Amino acid sequence: MESTVEQPCPICRSEAGLTLIVHTSEIAYFGEHTEMTLVCESCGWRHTDFIPAEGRKPSVWSLIIDSSEHLSTRVVRSSSCTVRIVELGLEVEPGDNATGYISNVEGVLNRFEDAIGIILRSALSEGEEGAPQAEACQDLISQIARVRSGEESVELVLLDPMGHSQILHEDATSEELSPEEVEALATGPQIPVFDSQDLSE
């Protein structure tokens, strides 16, 4: 379903309205979910999120990645989810423009590696090849490569105050977050709230 939302774009403030695209489908082991995408035709901004049909409790999912077999594990990350790789000290909190995605463990590792690569290239372009920041980036990229090859194990953690994120593997574990843990987490973008009647038209 595609419709127009009479709201200004949060980025360019265009009053032309946002395009809302809603698609409902089944994800294996995850069940029915609704994929909601908001698009601004003026500046190209887009926001995507995944909302399960059933209500969810705030949750933390974790998986010890200790073999190359885990790389193909499906990961559903909503826009409210904080992603951590504990042993590497890596964390991504949801910002104002965070979007949800469906990927696998290798895709999550690639996202971290790409972000580290940007920081490394910036340091090298400023002539800081031997600087601690550049060396730290190179070490992290090497560690990610070892995780990818199965030589090193790490724990992937998804913390979602909305409970929409999951790691879909029999080795993954899930626990409910305490109110204190939820309070300490970022919740991501404040997207428009739509009445269920709006979504069914």
N, C-alpha and C. Protein backbone atom coordinates (compact mmCIF):
# COMPACT_ATOMS: atom_id res chain seq x y z
N MET A 1 0.83 -1.18 0.00
CA MET A 1 0.00 0.00 0.00
C MET A 1 0.88 1.24 0.00
N GLU A 2 0.49 2.23 -0.75
CA GLU A 2 1.23 3.49 -0.81
C GLU A 2 0.27 4.64 -0.61
N SER A 3 0.63 5.58 0.25
CA SER A 3 -0.23 6.73 0.51
C SER A 3 0.63 7.93 0.86
N THR A 4 0.00 9.08 0.99
CA THR A 4 0.71 10.31 1.33
C THR A 4 0.38 10.71 2.76
N VAL A 5 1.43 11.05 3.52
CA VAL A 5 1.27 11.51 4.89
C VAL A 5 1.44 13.02 4.91
N GLU A 6 0.44 13.71 5.40
CA GLU A 6 0.48 15.18 5.40
C GLU A 6 1.34 15.69 6.55
N GLN A 7 2.65 15.47 6.40
CA GLN A 7 3.60 15.96 7.39
C GLN A 7 4.82 16.48 6.66
N PRO A 8 5.46 17.54 7.18
CA PRO A 8 6.68 18.04 6.54
C PRO A 8 7.83 17.06 6.71
N CYS A 9 8.76 17.08 5.77
CA CYS A 9 9.95 16.24 5.87
C CYS A 9 10.78 16.67 7.08
N PRO A 10 11.25 15.73 7.91
CA PRO A 10 12.05 16.12 9.07
C PRO A 10 13.44 16.64 8.70
N ILE A 11 13.85 16.45 7.44
CA ILE A 11 15.18 16.90 7.02
C ILE A 11 15.12 18.22 6.26
N CYS A 12 14.36 18.24 5.15
CA CYS A 12 14.33 19.46 4.32
C CYS A 12 13.13 20.35 4.59
N ARG A 13 12.21 19.88 5.44
CA ARG A 13 11.01 20.63 5.82
C ARG A 13 10.04 20.89 4.67
N SER A 14 10.16 20.12 3.60
CA SER A 14 9.23 20.26 2.48
C SER A 14 7.81 19.99 2.96
N GLU A 15 6.87 20.83 2.52
CA GLU A 15 5.47 20.68 2.92
C GLU A 15 4.70 19.80 1.94
N ALA A 16 5.41 19.19 0.98
CA ALA A 16 4.73 18.38 -0.04
C ALA A 16 4.18 17.08 0.53
N GLY A 17 4.57 16.73 1.75
CA GLY A 17 4.10 15.50 2.37
C GLY A 17 5.09 14.36 2.12
N LEU A 18 4.95 13.32 2.90
CA LEU A 18 5.82 12.15 2.80
C LEU A 18 5.04 10.99 2.19
N THR A 19 5.74 10.16 1.41
CA THR A 19 5.12 8.96 0.86
C THR A 19 5.31 7.82 1.85
N LEU A 20 4.21 7.18 2.20
CA LEU A 20 4.26 6.04 3.11
C LEU A 20 4.02 4.77 2.31
N ILE A 21 4.98 3.84 2.39
CA ILE A 21 4.85 2.55 1.72
C ILE A 21 4.77 1.49 2.81
N VAL A 22 3.70 0.72 2.81
CA VAL A 22 3.49 -0.32 3.82
C VAL A 22 3.39 -1.67 3.13
N HIS A 23 4.19 -2.61 3.61
CA HIS A 23 4.22 -3.95 3.02
C HIS A 23 4.22 -4.97 4.15
N THR A 24 3.29 -5.91 4.11
CA THR A 24 3.21 -6.95 5.13
C THR A 24 3.65 -8.29 4.54
N SER A 25 4.52 -8.99 5.26
CA SER A 25 4.99 -10.29 4.77
C SER A 25 5.41 -11.16 5.94
N GLU A 26 5.77 -12.40 5.62
CA GLU A 26 6.23 -13.36 6.62
C GLU A 26 7.75 -13.49 6.54
N ILE A 27 8.43 -13.45 7.69
CA ILE A 27 9.85 -13.73 7.76
C ILE A 27 9.99 -15.05 8.50
N ALA A 28 10.75 -15.97 7.93
CA ALA A 28 10.93 -17.28 8.57
C ALA A 28 11.39 -17.12 10.01
N TYR A 29 10.73 -17.83 10.94
CA TYR A 29 11.02 -17.83 12.36
C TYR A 29 10.69 -16.52 13.07
N PHE A 30 10.28 -15.52 12.31
CA PHE A 30 10.00 -14.21 12.88
C PHE A 30 8.52 -13.91 12.85
N GLY A 31 7.83 -14.55 11.90
CA GLY A 31 6.40 -14.36 11.80
C GLY A 31 6.03 -13.18 10.92
N GLU A 32 4.75 -12.84 10.96
CA GLU A 32 4.26 -11.74 10.13
C GLU A 32 4.79 -10.41 10.65
N HIS A 33 5.21 -9.57 9.74
CA HIS A 33 5.68 -8.24 10.12
C HIS A 33 5.24 -7.24 9.08
N THR A 34 5.22 -6.00 9.48
CA THR A 34 4.90 -4.90 8.57
C THR A 34 6.15 -4.08 8.35
N GLU A 35 6.51 -3.89 7.10
CA GLU A 35 7.63 -3.02 6.75
C GLU A 35 7.05 -1.66 6.36
N MET A 36 7.43 -0.64 7.12
CA MET A 36 6.93 0.71 6.87
C MET A 36 8.08 1.58 6.40
N THR A 37 7.92 2.22 5.25
CA THR A 37 8.95 3.11 4.74
C THR A 37 8.34 4.48 4.46
N LEU A 38 8.97 5.51 5.00
CA LEU A 38 8.59 6.89 4.71
C LEU A 38 9.62 7.48 3.78
N VAL A 39 9.17 8.16 2.72
CA VAL A 39 10.08 8.72 1.73
C VAL A 39 9.71 10.16 1.46
N CYS A 40 10.72 11.03 1.40
CA CYS A 40 10.52 12.41 0.97
C CYS A 40 10.96 12.51 -0.49
N GLU A 41 10.03 12.85 -1.37
CA GLU A 41 10.35 12.95 -2.79
C GLU A 41 11.21 14.18 -3.09
N SER A 42 11.21 15.16 -2.17
CA SER A 42 11.97 16.40 -2.41
C SER A 42 13.47 16.23 -2.21
N CYS A 43 13.86 15.58 -1.10
CA CYS A 43 15.30 15.47 -0.80
C CYS A 43 15.81 14.03 -0.81
N GLY A 44 14.90 13.06 -0.91
CA GLY A 44 15.34 11.66 -0.96
C GLY A 44 15.46 10.99 0.39
N TRP A 45 15.18 11.71 1.48
CA TRP A 45 15.25 11.09 2.81
C TRP A 45 14.29 9.93 2.89
N ARG A 46 14.72 8.85 3.56
CA ARG A 46 13.82 7.72 3.76
C ARG A 46 14.06 7.10 5.13
N HIS A 47 13.03 6.55 5.68
CA HIS A 47 13.10 5.88 6.97
C HIS A 47 12.33 4.58 6.87
N THR A 48 12.98 3.47 7.22
CA THR A 48 12.34 2.16 7.17
C THR A 48 12.35 1.53 8.54
N ASP A 49 11.25 0.88 8.90
CA ASP A 49 11.22 0.13 10.15
C ASP A 49 10.40 -1.12 9.96
N PHE A 50 10.64 -2.10 10.85
CA PHE A 50 9.95 -3.37 10.80
C PHE A 50 9.17 -3.54 12.10
N ILE A 51 7.88 -3.80 11.98
CA ILE A 51 7.02 -3.91 13.15
C ILE A 51 6.34 -5.28 13.13
N PRO A 52 6.60 -6.12 14.13
CA PRO A 52 5.96 -7.44 14.15
C PRO A 52 4.47 -7.32 14.42
N ALA A 53 3.72 -8.29 13.91
CA ALA A 53 2.27 -8.27 14.10
C ALA A 53 1.91 -8.42 15.57
N GLU A 54 2.68 -9.22 16.29
CA GLU A 54 2.42 -9.42 17.71
C GLU A 54 3.20 -8.42 18.54
N GLY A 55 2.61 -8.01 19.66
CA GLY A 55 3.31 -7.11 20.56
C GLY A 55 4.54 -7.78 21.14
N ARG A 56 5.57 -7.02 21.39
CA ARG A 56 6.83 -7.57 21.93
C ARG A 56 7.22 -6.84 23.20
N LYS A 57 7.97 -7.54 24.04
CA LYS A 57 8.51 -6.93 25.25
C LYS A 57 9.93 -6.45 24.98
N PRO A 58 10.38 -5.42 25.71
CA PRO A 58 11.77 -4.97 25.57
C PRO A 58 12.71 -6.16 25.75
N SER A 59 13.65 -6.33 24.83
CA SER A 59 14.46 -7.55 24.89
C SER A 59 15.91 -7.32 24.50
N VAL A 60 16.74 -8.25 24.96
CA VAL A 60 18.14 -8.30 24.54
C VAL A 60 18.37 -9.67 23.93
N TRP A 61 18.91 -9.69 22.72
CA TRP A 61 19.27 -10.92 22.03
C TRP A 61 20.78 -10.99 21.95
N SER A 62 21.35 -12.19 22.12
CA SER A 62 22.80 -12.32 22.00
C SER A 62 23.16 -13.63 21.31
N LEU A 63 24.28 -13.59 20.62
CA LEU A 63 24.81 -14.78 19.94
C LEU A 63 26.32 -14.75 20.01
N ILE A 64 26.92 -15.85 20.47
CA ILE A 64 28.37 -15.98 20.44
C ILE A 64 28.74 -16.43 19.03
N ILE A 65 29.46 -15.59 18.33
CA ILE A 65 29.90 -15.92 16.97
C ILE A 65 31.24 -16.61 17.09
N ASP A 66 31.24 -17.94 16.97
CA ASP A 66 32.49 -18.69 17.15
C ASP A 66 32.76 -19.65 15.99
N SER A 67 32.02 -19.49 14.91
CA SER A 67 32.30 -20.30 13.72
C SER A 67 31.80 -19.55 12.49
N SER A 68 32.37 -19.88 11.34
CA SER A 68 31.95 -19.22 10.11
C SER A 68 30.51 -19.56 9.77
N GLU A 69 29.98 -20.64 10.35
CA GLU A 69 28.58 -21.02 10.12
C GLU A 69 27.61 -19.96 10.64
N HIS A 70 28.03 -19.24 11.68
CA HIS A 70 27.16 -18.21 12.26
C HIS A 70 27.02 -16.99 11.36
N LEU A 71 27.89 -16.83 10.38
CA LEU A 71 27.87 -15.63 9.54
C LEU A 71 26.57 -15.49 8.74
N SER A 72 25.93 -16.62 8.44
CA SER A 72 24.70 -16.57 7.65
C SER A 72 23.44 -16.44 8.51
N THR A 73 23.60 -16.32 9.82
CA THR A 73 22.46 -16.19 10.73
C THR A 73 21.69 -14.91 10.44
N ARG A 74 20.37 -15.05 10.32
CA ARG A 74 19.51 -13.89 10.03
C ARG A 74 19.44 -12.96 11.23
N VAL A 75 19.56 -11.66 10.97
CA VAL A 75 19.47 -10.64 12.00
C VAL A 75 18.40 -9.64 11.58
N VAL A 76 17.43 -9.41 12.47
CA VAL A 76 16.41 -8.39 12.23
C VAL A 76 16.67 -7.27 13.23
N ARG A 77 17.03 -6.10 12.71
CA ARG A 77 17.35 -4.96 13.57
C ARG A 77 16.35 -3.84 13.29
N SER A 78 15.62 -3.42 14.32
CA SER A 78 14.66 -2.33 14.15
C SER A 78 15.37 -1.00 14.38
N SER A 79 14.69 0.08 14.09
CA SER A 79 15.30 1.40 14.24
C SER A 79 15.50 1.81 15.69
N SER A 80 14.97 1.03 16.64
CA SER A 80 15.14 1.35 18.06
C SER A 80 16.23 0.52 18.72
N CYS A 81 16.96 -0.26 17.92
CA CYS A 81 17.90 -1.25 18.47
C CYS A 81 19.34 -0.73 18.56
N THR A 82 19.96 -1.00 19.71
CA THR A 82 21.39 -0.76 19.90
C THR A 82 22.13 -2.07 19.59
N VAL A 83 23.17 -1.99 18.76
CA VAL A 83 23.93 -3.18 18.36
C VAL A 83 25.32 -3.10 18.98
N ARG A 84 25.73 -4.19 19.63
CA ARG A 84 27.06 -4.24 20.25
C ARG A 84 27.82 -5.48 19.82
N ILE A 85 29.13 -5.31 19.66
CA ILE A 85 30.04 -6.45 19.58
C ILE A 85 30.94 -6.29 20.79
N VAL A 86 30.64 -7.07 21.80
CA VAL A 86 31.18 -6.84 23.15
C VAL A 86 32.70 -6.82 23.19
N GLU A 87 33.34 -7.89 22.72
CA GLU A 87 34.80 -8.03 22.85
C GLU A 87 35.58 -6.97 22.07
N LEU A 88 34.98 -6.42 21.03
CA LEU A 88 35.68 -5.41 20.23
C LEU A 88 35.38 -3.99 20.71
N GLY A 89 34.49 -3.88 21.69
CA GLY A 89 34.14 -2.56 22.21
C GLY A 89 33.38 -1.71 21.21
N LEU A 90 32.66 -2.37 20.30
CA LEU A 90 31.92 -1.64 19.26
C LEU A 90 30.45 -1.54 19.62
N GLU A 91 29.87 -0.38 19.37
CA GLU A 91 28.45 -0.18 19.65
C GLU A 91 27.87 0.87 18.71
N VAL A 92 26.68 0.59 18.22
CA VAL A 92 25.94 1.56 17.41
C VAL A 92 24.59 1.78 18.06
N GLU A 93 24.35 3.01 18.51
CA GLU A 93 23.05 3.35 19.07
C GLU A 93 22.16 3.93 17.97
N PRO A 94 20.85 3.78 18.12
CA PRO A 94 19.96 4.36 17.10
C PRO A 94 19.90 5.87 17.24
N GLY A 95 20.23 6.57 16.16
CA GLY A 95 20.14 8.02 16.15
C GLY A 95 18.80 8.48 15.59
N ASP A 96 18.68 9.77 15.36
CA ASP A 96 17.42 10.33 14.87
C ASP A 96 17.05 9.82 13.49
N ASN A 97 18.05 9.40 12.70
CA ASN A 97 17.77 8.92 11.34
C ASN A 97 18.00 7.42 11.18
N ALA A 98 18.03 6.69 12.32
CA ALA A 98 18.26 5.24 12.26
C ALA A 98 17.12 4.55 11.51
N THR A 99 17.47 3.51 10.77
CA THR A 99 16.46 2.72 10.06
C THR A 99 16.63 1.25 10.41
N GLY A 100 15.57 0.51 10.26
CA GLY A 100 15.63 -0.92 10.50
C GLY A 100 16.16 -1.63 9.27
N TYR A 101 16.69 -2.83 9.48
CA TYR A 101 17.14 -3.63 8.34
C TYR A 101 17.08 -5.11 8.69
N ILE A 102 17.02 -5.93 7.65
CA ILE A 102 17.14 -7.37 7.80
C ILE A 102 18.42 -7.77 7.08
N SER A 103 19.30 -8.42 7.79
CA SER A 103 20.59 -8.80 7.21
C SER A 103 20.99 -10.15 7.79
N ASN A 104 22.30 -10.41 7.81
CA ASN A 104 22.82 -11.58 8.51
C ASN A 104 24.02 -11.11 9.34
N VAL A 105 24.61 -12.02 10.11
CA VAL A 105 25.72 -11.63 10.98
C VAL A 105 26.85 -11.03 10.16
N GLU A 106 27.17 -11.63 9.01
CA GLU A 106 28.24 -11.09 8.18
C GLU A 106 27.91 -9.67 7.74
N GLY A 107 26.65 -9.41 7.41
CA GLY A 107 26.24 -8.05 7.02
C GLY A 107 26.43 -7.06 8.15
N VAL A 108 26.15 -7.48 9.39
CA VAL A 108 26.36 -6.60 10.55
C VAL A 108 27.85 -6.31 10.72
N LEU A 109 28.69 -7.35 10.58
CA LEU A 109 30.14 -7.15 10.65
C LEU A 109 30.61 -6.19 9.57
N ASN A 110 30.05 -6.33 8.36
CA ASN A 110 30.41 -5.44 7.26
C ASN A 110 30.06 -3.99 7.57
N ARG A 111 28.91 -3.78 8.20
CA ARG A 111 28.50 -2.41 8.55
C ARG A 111 29.49 -1.77 9.52
N PHE A 112 29.91 -2.55 10.54
CA PHE A 112 30.91 -2.03 11.47
C PHE A 112 32.23 -1.77 10.74
N GLU A 113 32.64 -2.70 9.89
CA GLU A 113 33.90 -2.56 9.16
C GLU A 113 33.87 -1.33 8.26
N ASP A 114 32.76 -1.08 7.59
CA ASP A 114 32.64 0.10 6.72
C ASP A 114 32.77 1.39 7.52
N ALA A 115 32.13 1.43 8.71
CA ALA A 115 32.20 2.63 9.54
C ALA A 115 33.63 2.86 10.05
N ILE A 116 34.31 1.77 10.43
CA ILE A 116 35.70 1.89 10.89
C ILE A 116 36.59 2.33 9.73
N GLY A 117 36.30 1.82 8.54
CA GLY A 117 37.07 2.19 7.35
C GLY A 117 36.99 3.68 7.05
N ILE A 118 35.82 4.27 7.27
CA ILE A 118 35.65 5.72 7.05
C ILE A 118 36.53 6.50 8.01
N ILE A 119 36.55 6.09 9.29
CA ILE A 119 37.38 6.77 10.28
C ILE A 119 38.86 6.60 9.93
N LEU A 120 39.25 5.40 9.49
CA LEU A 120 40.64 5.13 9.13
C LEU A 120 41.07 5.98 7.94
N ARG A 121 40.24 6.04 6.91
CA ARG A 121 40.58 6.85 5.72
C ARG A 121 40.71 8.32 6.07
N SER A 122 39.87 8.78 6.98
CA SER A 122 39.94 10.18 7.41
C SER A 122 41.26 10.44 8.13
N ALA A 123 41.67 9.51 8.99
CA ALA A 123 42.93 9.67 9.73
C ALA A 123 44.12 9.64 8.77
N LEU A 124 44.08 8.73 7.79
CA LEU A 124 45.19 8.62 6.84
C LEU A 124 45.28 9.84 5.92
N SER A 125 44.12 10.39 5.56
CA SER A 125 44.13 11.57 4.68
C SER A 125 44.70 12.80 5.39
N GLU A 126 44.67 12.76 6.72
CA GLU A 126 45.23 13.86 7.51
C GLU A 126 46.67 13.57 7.92
N GLY A 127 47.26 12.52 7.32
CA GLY A 127 48.66 12.20 7.58
C GLY A 127 48.91 11.60 8.94
N GLU A 128 47.93 10.88 9.48
CA GLU A 128 48.07 10.31 10.82
C GLU A 128 48.24 8.80 10.78
N GLU A 129 49.03 8.32 9.83
CA GLU A 129 49.18 6.87 9.63
C GLU A 129 49.62 6.14 10.89
N GLY A 130 50.55 6.74 11.63
CA GLY A 130 51.05 6.08 12.84
C GLY A 130 50.31 6.50 14.10
N ALA A 131 49.26 7.30 13.95
CA ALA A 131 48.53 7.80 15.12
C ALA A 131 47.76 6.67 15.80
N PRO A 132 47.53 6.80 17.11
CA PRO A 132 46.79 5.75 17.84
C PRO A 132 45.42 5.43 17.23
N GLN A 133 44.72 6.47 16.73
CA GLN A 133 43.40 6.24 16.16
C GLN A 133 43.47 5.36 14.92
N ALA A 134 44.45 5.65 14.04
CA ALA A 134 44.60 4.85 12.83
C ALA A 134 44.99 3.41 13.17
N GLU A 135 45.89 3.24 14.13
CA GLU A 135 46.31 1.90 14.52
C GLU A 135 45.15 1.12 15.15
N ALA A 136 44.34 1.80 15.95
CA ALA A 136 43.18 1.15 16.58
C ALA A 136 42.19 0.68 15.51
N CYS A 137 41.98 1.51 14.49
CA CYS A 137 41.08 1.14 13.40
C CYS A 137 41.60 -0.08 12.64
N GLN A 138 42.89 -0.08 12.35
CA GLN A 138 43.49 -1.21 11.64
C GLN A 138 43.40 -2.50 12.47
N ASP A 139 43.58 -2.37 13.80
CA ASP A 139 43.46 -3.54 14.68
C ASP A 139 42.04 -4.09 14.66
N LEU A 140 41.05 -3.19 14.70
CA LEU A 140 39.66 -3.62 14.70
C LEU A 140 39.29 -4.33 13.39
N ILE A 141 39.78 -3.78 12.28
CA ILE A 141 39.51 -4.40 10.97
C ILE A 141 40.13 -5.79 10.92
N SER A 142 41.33 -5.94 11.48
CA SER A 142 41.98 -7.26 11.53
C SER A 142 41.20 -8.23 12.40
N GLN A 143 40.70 -7.75 13.53
CA GLN A 143 39.92 -8.61 14.42
C GLN A 143 38.62 -9.06 13.75
N ILE A 144 37.97 -8.15 13.05
CA ILE A 144 36.73 -8.51 12.34
C ILE A 144 37.02 -9.58 11.29
N ALA A 145 38.16 -9.45 10.62
CA ALA A 145 38.55 -10.46 9.62
C ALA A 145 38.75 -11.82 10.28
N ARG A 146 39.32 -11.83 11.49
CA ARG A 146 39.53 -13.09 12.21
C ARG A 146 38.20 -13.70 12.66
N VAL A 147 37.26 -12.83 13.05
CA VAL A 147 35.92 -13.32 13.41
C VAL A 147 35.26 -13.93 12.19
N ARG A 148 35.39 -13.27 11.06
CA ARG A 148 34.77 -13.74 9.82
C ARG A 148 35.33 -15.11 9.40
N SER A 149 36.62 -15.34 9.67
CA SER A 149 37.25 -16.60 9.27
C SER A 149 37.09 -17.69 10.34
N GLY A 150 36.49 -17.34 11.48
CA GLY A 150 36.27 -18.32 12.54
C GLY A 150 37.45 -18.47 13.48
N GLU A 151 38.46 -17.60 13.36
CA GLU A 151 39.65 -17.68 14.22
C GLU A 151 39.44 -17.02 15.57
N GLU A 152 38.45 -16.16 15.68
CA GLU A 152 38.22 -15.41 16.91
C GLU A 152 36.72 -15.37 17.17
N SER A 153 36.33 -15.49 18.44
CA SER A 153 34.90 -15.45 18.76
C SER A 153 34.55 -14.14 19.47
N VAL A 154 33.35 -13.66 19.18
CA VAL A 154 32.83 -12.45 19.81
C VAL A 154 31.34 -12.65 20.09
N GLU A 155 30.80 -11.78 20.92
CA GLU A 155 29.36 -11.83 21.21
C GLU A 155 28.67 -10.66 20.52
N LEU A 156 27.67 -10.98 19.71
CA LEU A 156 26.83 -9.97 19.07
C LEU A 156 25.60 -9.79 19.95
N VAL A 157 25.29 -8.54 20.30
CA VAL A 157 24.16 -8.26 21.20
C VAL A 157 23.25 -7.22 20.56
N LEU A 158 21.95 -7.50 20.58
CA LEU A 158 20.93 -6.55 20.14
C LEU A 158 20.09 -6.16 21.35
N LEU A 159 20.05 -4.87 21.67
CA LEU A 159 19.24 -4.39 22.80
C LEU A 159 18.14 -3.51 22.24
N ASP A 160 16.90 -3.94 22.39
CA ASP A 160 15.79 -3.23 21.75
C ASP A 160 14.69 -2.92 22.76
N PRO A 161 14.54 -1.64 23.14
CA PRO A 161 13.49 -1.28 24.10
C PRO A 161 12.08 -1.51 23.56
N MET A 162 11.96 -1.61 22.23
CA MET A 162 10.65 -1.87 21.62
C MET A 162 10.41 -3.36 21.38
N GLY A 163 11.47 -4.17 21.48
CA GLY A 163 11.33 -5.60 21.33
C GLY A 163 11.13 -6.09 19.91
N HIS A 164 11.48 -5.29 18.91
CA HIS A 164 11.24 -5.65 17.52
C HIS A 164 12.41 -6.38 16.86
N SER A 165 13.56 -6.45 17.52
CA SER A 165 14.76 -7.02 16.91
C SER A 165 14.96 -8.47 17.36
N GLN A 166 15.62 -9.26 16.49
CA GLN A 166 15.87 -10.66 16.81
C GLN A 166 17.12 -11.17 16.11
N ILE A 167 17.72 -12.21 16.70
CA ILE A 167 18.77 -12.99 16.05
C ILE A 167 18.17 -14.39 15.87
N LEU A 168 18.04 -14.81 14.63
CA LEU A 168 17.28 -16.03 14.33
C LEU A 168 18.20 -17.24 14.17
N HIS A 169 18.66 -17.76 15.33
CA HIS A 169 19.52 -18.94 15.34
C HIS A 169 19.27 -19.69 16.63
N GLU A 170 19.36 -21.02 16.56
CA GLU A 170 19.11 -21.84 17.75
C GLU A 170 20.12 -21.58 18.86
N ASP A 171 21.30 -21.07 18.52
CA ASP A 171 22.31 -20.76 19.54
C ASP A 171 22.08 -19.39 20.18
N ALA A 172 21.20 -18.58 19.60
CA ALA A 172 20.95 -17.24 20.14
C ALA A 172 20.10 -17.33 21.40
N THR A 173 20.31 -16.41 22.32
CA THR A 173 19.52 -16.36 23.55
C THR A 173 18.81 -15.02 23.64
N SER A 174 17.69 -15.01 24.34
CA SER A 174 16.90 -13.79 24.49
C SER A 174 16.42 -13.65 25.93
N GLU A 175 16.48 -12.43 26.44
CA GLU A 175 15.98 -12.14 27.77
C GLU A 175 15.22 -10.82 27.73
N GLU A 176 14.30 -10.66 28.66
CA GLU A 176 13.58 -9.39 28.76
C GLU A 176 14.47 -8.36 29.45
N LEU A 177 14.44 -7.13 28.94
CA LEU A 177 15.19 -6.05 29.56
C LEU A 177 14.45 -5.53 30.78
N SER A 178 15.21 -5.15 31.81
CA SER A 178 14.60 -4.55 33.00
C SER A 178 14.22 -3.11 32.70
N PRO A 179 13.31 -2.53 33.47
CA PRO A 179 12.96 -1.11 33.26
C PRO A 179 14.18 -0.19 33.33
N GLU A 180 15.13 -0.52 34.20
CA GLU A 180 16.35 0.30 34.33
C GLU A 180 17.19 0.22 33.06
N GLU A 181 17.30 -1.00 32.50
CA GLU A 181 18.06 -1.17 31.26
C GLU A 181 17.39 -0.45 30.10
N VAL A 182 16.07 -0.50 30.04
CA VAL A 182 15.33 0.19 28.98
C VAL A 182 15.56 1.69 29.09
N GLU A 183 15.51 2.21 30.31
CA GLU A 183 15.68 3.64 30.55
C GLU A 183 17.05 4.13 30.06
N ALA A 184 18.07 3.27 30.13
CA ALA A 184 19.43 3.65 29.76
C ALA A 184 19.68 3.59 28.25
N LEU A 185 18.73 3.04 27.48
CA LEU A 185 18.95 2.85 26.05
C LEU A 185 18.38 4.00 25.22
N ALA A 186 19.05 4.28 24.10
CA ALA A 186 18.49 5.20 23.12
C ALA A 186 17.33 4.50 22.43
N THR A 187 16.32 5.27 22.01
CA THR A 187 15.14 4.65 21.40
C THR A 187 15.01 4.93 19.91
N GLY A 188 15.94 5.70 19.35
CA GLY A 188 15.89 5.93 17.91
C GLY A 188 14.98 7.06 17.51
N PRO A 189 14.67 7.13 16.22
CA PRO A 189 13.90 8.25 15.69
C PRO A 189 12.46 8.27 16.18
N GLN A 190 11.93 9.46 16.29
CA GLN A 190 10.52 9.62 16.64
C GLN A 190 9.73 9.73 15.34
N ILE A 191 9.30 8.59 14.83
CA ILE A 191 8.58 8.60 13.57
C ILE A 191 7.10 8.88 13.82
N PRO A 192 6.37 9.33 12.81
CA PRO A 192 4.96 9.61 12.99
C PRO A 192 4.20 8.37 13.44
N VAL A 193 3.20 8.56 14.27
CA VAL A 193 2.35 7.47 14.73
C VAL A 193 1.13 7.42 13.83
N PHE A 194 0.84 6.25 13.30
CA PHE A 194 -0.28 6.10 12.38
C PHE A 194 -1.38 5.29 13.04
N ASP A 195 -2.59 5.72 12.86
CA ASP A 195 -3.73 4.97 13.34
C ASP A 195 -3.85 3.69 12.51
N SER A 196 -4.25 2.59 13.16
CA SER A 196 -4.37 1.32 12.44
C SER A 196 -5.36 1.43 11.30
N GLN A 197 -6.32 2.31 11.40
CA GLN A 197 -7.29 2.49 10.32
C GLN A 197 -6.61 3.09 9.10
N ASP A 198 -5.63 3.97 9.32
CA ASP A 198 -4.89 4.58 8.21
C ASP A 198 -4.14 3.52 7.42
N LEU A 199 -3.59 2.52 8.11
CA LEU A 199 -2.78 1.50 7.47
C LEU A 199 -3.61 0.50 6.69
N SER A 200 -4.91 0.42 7.00
CA SER A 200 -5.73 -0.58 6.33
C SER A 200 -6.46 -0.04 5.12
N GLU A 201 -6.36 1.24 4.87
CA GLU A 201 -7.06 1.84 3.73
C GLU A 201 -6.37 1.52 2.42
